[in-house]
Each structure stands twice: as C-alpha cells, then as structure tokens.
C-alpha atoms as a PDB file:
ATOM      1  CA  MET A   1     -33.930   3.826  12.323  1.00  0.00           C
ATOM      2  CA  PHE A   2     -30.674   1.908  11.673  1.00  0.00           C
ATOM      3  CA  TYR A   3     -29.541  -1.274  13.418  1.00  0.00           C
ATOM      4  CA  VAL A   4     -25.892  -2.226  13.735  1.00  0.00           C
ATOM      5  CA  CYS A   5     -25.221  -5.833  14.730  1.00  0.00           C
ATOM      6  CA  GLY A   6     -21.810  -6.163  16.341  1.00  0.00           C
ATOM      7  CA  PRO A   7     -21.831  -9.829  17.275  1.00  0.00           C
ATOM      8  CA  GLY A   8     -20.677 -11.888  14.287  1.00  0.00           C
ATOM      9  CA  HIS A   9     -22.743 -14.797  15.496  1.00  0.00           C
ATOM     10  CA  GLY A  10     -25.736 -12.525  15.433  1.00  0.00           C
ATOM     11  CA  GLY A  11     -26.059 -13.559  11.733  1.00  0.00           C
ATOM     12  CA  PRO A  12     -28.801 -16.076  12.458  1.00  0.00           C
ATOM     13  CA  ALA A  13     -30.884 -13.333  14.011  1.00  0.00           C
ATOM     14  CA  MET A  14     -30.353 -11.145  10.966  1.00  0.00           C
ATOM     15  CA  PHE A  15     -31.369 -14.006   8.611  1.00  0.00           C
ATOM     16  CA  ALA A  16     -34.448 -14.770  10.714  1.00  0.00           C
ATOM     17  CA  GLN A  17     -35.489 -11.128  10.870  1.00  0.00           C
ATOM     18  CA  THR A  18     -35.126 -10.522   7.134  1.00  0.00           C
ATOM     19  CA  TYR A  19     -36.924 -13.811   6.384  1.00  0.00           C
ATOM     20  CA  LEU A  20     -39.864 -12.964   8.576  1.00  0.00           C
ATOM     21  CA  GLU A  21     -40.303  -9.425   7.191  1.00  0.00           C
ATOM     22  CA  GLY A  22     -39.899 -10.527   3.582  1.00  0.00           C
ATOM     23  CA  SER A  23     -36.761  -8.966   2.310  1.00  0.00           C
ATOM     24  CA  PHE A  24     -34.905 -12.290   2.304  1.00  0.00           C
ATOM     25  CA  THR A  25     -37.455 -13.771  -0.116  1.00  0.00           C
ATOM     26  CA  GLU A  26     -37.225 -10.663  -2.308  1.00  0.00           C
ATOM     27  CA  ARG A  27     -33.442 -11.150  -2.624  1.00  0.00           C
ATOM     28  CA  TYR A  28     -33.671 -14.974  -2.850  1.00  0.00           C
ATOM     29  CA  PRO A  29     -37.018 -15.862  -4.491  1.00  0.00           C
ATOM     30  CA  ASP A  30     -36.387 -19.660  -4.190  1.00  0.00           C
ATOM     31  CA  ILE A  31     -36.497 -19.212  -0.381  1.00  0.00           C
ATOM     32  CA  SER A  32     -40.300 -18.771  -0.245  1.00  0.00           C
ATOM     33  CA  LYS A  33     -42.289 -17.841   2.863  1.00  0.00           C
ATOM     34  CA  ASP A  34     -43.767 -21.214   3.421  1.00  0.00           C
ATOM     35  CA  GLU A  35     -42.691 -24.595   4.879  1.00  0.00           C
ATOM     36  CA  GLU A  36     -40.771 -25.574   1.754  1.00  0.00           C
ATOM     37  CA  GLY A  37     -38.902 -22.212   1.684  1.00  0.00           C
ATOM     38  CA  ILE A  38     -37.875 -22.203   5.326  1.00  0.00           C
ATOM     39  CA  GLY A  39     -36.743 -25.786   4.860  1.00  0.00           C
ATOM     40  CA  LYS A  40     -34.367 -24.642   2.083  1.00  0.00           C
ATOM     41  CA  LEU A  41     -33.125 -21.791   4.201  1.00  0.00           C
ATOM     42  CA  PHE A  42     -32.381 -24.202   7.133  1.00  0.00           C
ATOM     43  CA  LYS A  43     -30.546 -26.650   4.826  1.00  0.00           C
ATOM     44  CA  GLN A  44     -28.375 -23.892   3.265  1.00  0.00           C
ATOM     45  CA  PHE A  45     -27.522 -22.150   6.520  1.00  0.00           C
ATOM     46  CA  SER A  46     -23.832 -22.450   7.511  1.00  0.00           C
ATOM     47  CA  PHE A  47     -23.309 -24.986   4.774  1.00  0.00           C
ATOM     48  CA  PRO A  48     -20.702 -24.872   1.964  1.00  0.00           C
ATOM     49  CA  GLY A  49     -22.181 -23.002  -1.000  1.00  0.00           C
ATOM     50  CA  GLY A  50     -25.128 -21.807   1.203  1.00  0.00           C
ATOM     51  CA  PHE A  51     -25.517 -18.887   3.547  1.00  0.00           C
ATOM     52  CA  PRO A  52     -22.826 -17.977   6.034  1.00  0.00           C
ATOM     53  CA  SER A  53     -23.234 -18.211   9.828  1.00  0.00           C
ATOM     54  CA  HIS A  54     -22.215 -14.571  10.280  1.00  0.00           C
ATOM     55  CA  ALA A  55     -23.922 -11.433   8.928  1.00  0.00           C
ATOM     56  CA  ALA A  56     -22.336 -11.031   5.503  1.00  0.00           C
ATOM     57  CA  PRO A  57     -22.922  -9.272   2.205  1.00  0.00           C
ATOM     58  CA  GLU A  58     -25.393 -12.149   1.385  1.00  0.00           C
ATOM     59  CA  THR A  59     -27.618 -11.008   4.249  1.00  0.00           C
ATOM     60  CA  PRO A  60     -30.302  -8.650   2.999  1.00  0.00           C
ATOM     61  CA  GLY A  61     -29.764  -5.230   4.473  1.00  0.00           C
ATOM     62  CA  SER A  62     -26.176  -5.886   5.503  1.00  0.00           C
ATOM     63  CA  ILE A  63     -23.730  -3.197   4.367  1.00  0.00           C
ATOM     64  CA  HIS A  64     -20.587  -4.420   6.021  1.00  0.00           C
ATOM     65  CA  GLU A  65     -18.757  -7.684   6.423  1.00  0.00           C
ATOM     66  CA  GLY A  66     -16.107  -7.090   9.047  1.00  0.00           C
ATOM     67  CA  GLY A  67     -13.783  -9.952   9.818  1.00  0.00           C
ATOM     68  CA  GLU A  68     -12.286  -7.871  12.610  1.00  0.00           C
ATOM     69  CA  LEU A  69     -13.717  -7.192  15.980  1.00  0.00           C
ATOM     70  CA  GLY A  70     -14.507  -3.795  17.478  1.00  0.00           C
ATOM     71  CA  TYR A  71     -15.963  -1.676  14.713  1.00  0.00           C
ATOM     72  CA  SER A  72     -19.741  -1.814  15.330  1.00  0.00           C
ATOM     73  CA  LEU A  73     -19.853   1.271  17.575  1.00  0.00           C
ATOM     74  CA  SER A  74     -17.702   3.326  15.235  1.00  0.00           C
ATOM     75  CA  HIS A  75     -20.028   2.414  12.371  1.00  0.00           C
ATOM     76  CA  ALA A  76     -23.007   3.418  14.476  1.00  0.00           C
ATOM     77  CA  PHE A  77     -21.457   6.754  15.443  1.00  0.00           C
ATOM     78  CA  GLY A  78     -20.523   7.307  11.807  1.00  0.00           C
ATOM     79  CA  ALA A  79     -24.149   6.836  10.769  1.00  0.00           C
ATOM     80  CA  VAL A  80     -25.308   9.382  13.348  1.00  0.00           C
ATOM     81  CA  PHE A  81     -22.630  11.877  12.403  1.00  0.00           C
ATOM     82  CA  ASP A  82     -23.661  11.524   8.758  1.00  0.00           C
ATOM     83  CA  LYS A  83     -27.416  11.869   9.498  1.00  0.00           C
ATOM     84  CA  PRO A  84     -27.907  13.615  12.829  1.00  0.00           C
ATOM     85  CA  ASP A  85     -31.644  12.888  12.974  1.00  0.00           C
ATOM     86  CA  LEU A  86     -31.191   9.155  12.479  1.00  0.00           C
ATOM     87  CA  ILE A  87     -31.804   6.877  15.440  1.00  0.00           C
ATOM     88  CA  VAL A  88     -29.247   4.072  15.596  1.00  0.00           C
ATOM     89  CA  ALA A  89     -29.399   0.976  17.769  1.00  0.00           C
ATOM     90  CA  CYS A  90     -26.054  -0.797  18.178  1.00  0.00           C
ATOM     91  CA  VAL A  91     -25.458  -4.185  19.784  1.00  0.00           C
ATOM     92  CA  VAL A  92     -21.857  -4.642  20.905  1.00  0.00           C
ATOM     93  CA  GLY A  93     -20.684  -8.244  20.953  1.00  0.00           C
ATOM     94  CA  ASP A  94     -18.866  -9.719  23.903  1.00  0.00           C
ATOM     95  CA  GLY A  95     -15.873 -10.579  21.751  1.00  0.00           C
ATOM     96  CA  GLU A  96     -15.435  -7.074  20.493  1.00  0.00           C
ATOM     97  CA  ALA A  97     -16.194  -5.337  23.770  1.00  0.00           C
ATOM     98  CA  GLU A  98     -12.533  -5.429  24.902  1.00  0.00           C
ATOM     99  CA  THR A  99     -10.888  -4.250  21.727  1.00  0.00           C
ATOM    100  CA  GLY A 100      -9.020  -1.014  21.193  1.00  0.00           C
ATOM    101  CA  PRO A 101     -11.213   0.223  18.350  1.00  0.00           C
ATOM    102  CA  LEU A 102     -14.339  -0.218  20.488  1.00  0.00           C
ATOM    103  CA  ALA A 103     -12.795   1.356  23.591  1.00  0.00           C
ATOM    104  CA  THR A 104     -11.882   4.394  21.476  1.00  0.00           C
ATOM    105  CA  SER A 105     -15.401   4.519  20.006  1.00  0.00           C
ATOM    106  CA  TRP A 106     -16.993   5.059  23.441  1.00  0.00           C
ATOM    107  CA  HIS A 107     -15.460   8.543  23.428  1.00  0.00           C
ATOM    108  CA  SER A 108     -17.372   9.556  20.244  1.00  0.00           C
ATOM    109  CA  ASN A 109     -20.331  10.536  22.301  1.00  0.00           C
ATOM    110  CA  LYS A 110     -18.503  13.748  23.167  1.00  0.00           C
ATOM    111  CA  PHE A 111     -19.125  14.868  19.555  1.00  0.00           C
ATOM    112  CA  LEU A 112     -22.863  14.340  19.560  1.00  0.00           C
ATOM    113  CA  SER A 113     -25.171  17.238  20.273  1.00  0.00           C
ATOM    114  CA  LYS A 114     -28.074  14.958  21.170  1.00  0.00           C
ATOM    115  CA  SER A 115     -28.487  11.368  22.177  1.00  0.00           C
ATOM    116  CA  ASN A 116     -29.942   9.335  19.321  1.00  0.00           C
ATOM    117  CA  LEU A 117     -27.594   6.320  19.606  1.00  0.00           C
ATOM    118  CA  VAL A 118     -28.663   3.407  21.784  1.00  0.00           C
ATOM    119  CA  THR A 119     -26.023   0.811  22.655  1.00  0.00           C
ATOM    120  CA  CYS A 120     -26.459  -2.608  24.267  1.00  0.00           C
ATOM    121  CA  ARG A 121     -23.725  -5.039  25.212  1.00  0.00           C
ATOM    122  CA  ASN A 122     -24.373  -8.684  24.395  1.00  0.00           C
ATOM    123  CA  SER A 123     -22.512 -10.855  26.910  1.00  0.00           C
ATOM    124  CA  PRO A 124     -23.056 -14.458  27.969  1.00  0.00           C
ATOM    125  CA  LYS A 125     -21.944 -13.373  31.489  1.00  0.00           C
ATOM    126  CA  PHE A 126     -25.203 -11.416  31.826  1.00  0.00           C
ATOM    127  CA  SER A 127     -27.612 -13.890  30.235  1.00  0.00           C
ATOM    128  CA  SER A 128     -29.621 -16.421  32.202  1.00  0.00           C
END
C-alpha cells in the first residue's frame, strides 16, 4: 500500500503518523518516543531550523516535495502504472482540486485495467 498526501498542510498528519509508528525516531534519534521526545518535536515543528509545516524531504517516507499544486493524483496514477498490483490511497487537497494538472489526472483512470487507486478529496466545505 502506498499513500499520497496532496494537501501541503497535511504535513502535521504525516509527522504524527511517522512519530507514532516509529520511523520518525529512527530517522531522528534525538526525537525519542517519550514525553521529552515529543516535546522536542513540538518545539521544532514549523520553526526556523526545525521541521517544516508541509510534508517535505525531512518527513520520513516522503519522496516528493512539490511546491506546486495539482500533482498528487498524477503521482498516484504513476505509482499504479509502475506497479499494477499496488494499492494507492490519494488524498487530494482543496487547493489543488481546481488546477489543470489535477483535472487532467482524473482522466488517467481510462488507462487502468483494474481499480486499485482510491481517491479522497479534502475540502473544508465538506467538514463539520
């Protein structure tokens, strides 16, 4: 399974997830899995010289730092085209949902022989 996080501000979720499952501490041993370690993580989050507020190369497991909107779905389709048996979950951010690259990516499903790509649109309009 492969997860593609489209929303740039989904970075905190990526940091939290990798911290809880342990790969964050593997990459940054001084951020231990205890009260002291999580305190260090909180102090360094979105702070100069610390960890960025967006998913970035510093995020364990991150393979792409965009800077432009609209490419999450094309990356997800690319992963499935490269490995047809891979299941990919892609969250499309509200900011990128109206971009040309993303609009074009929706047509890539025509090239899949089976449905192993799950997409979800993150939008503040739909949240409670």
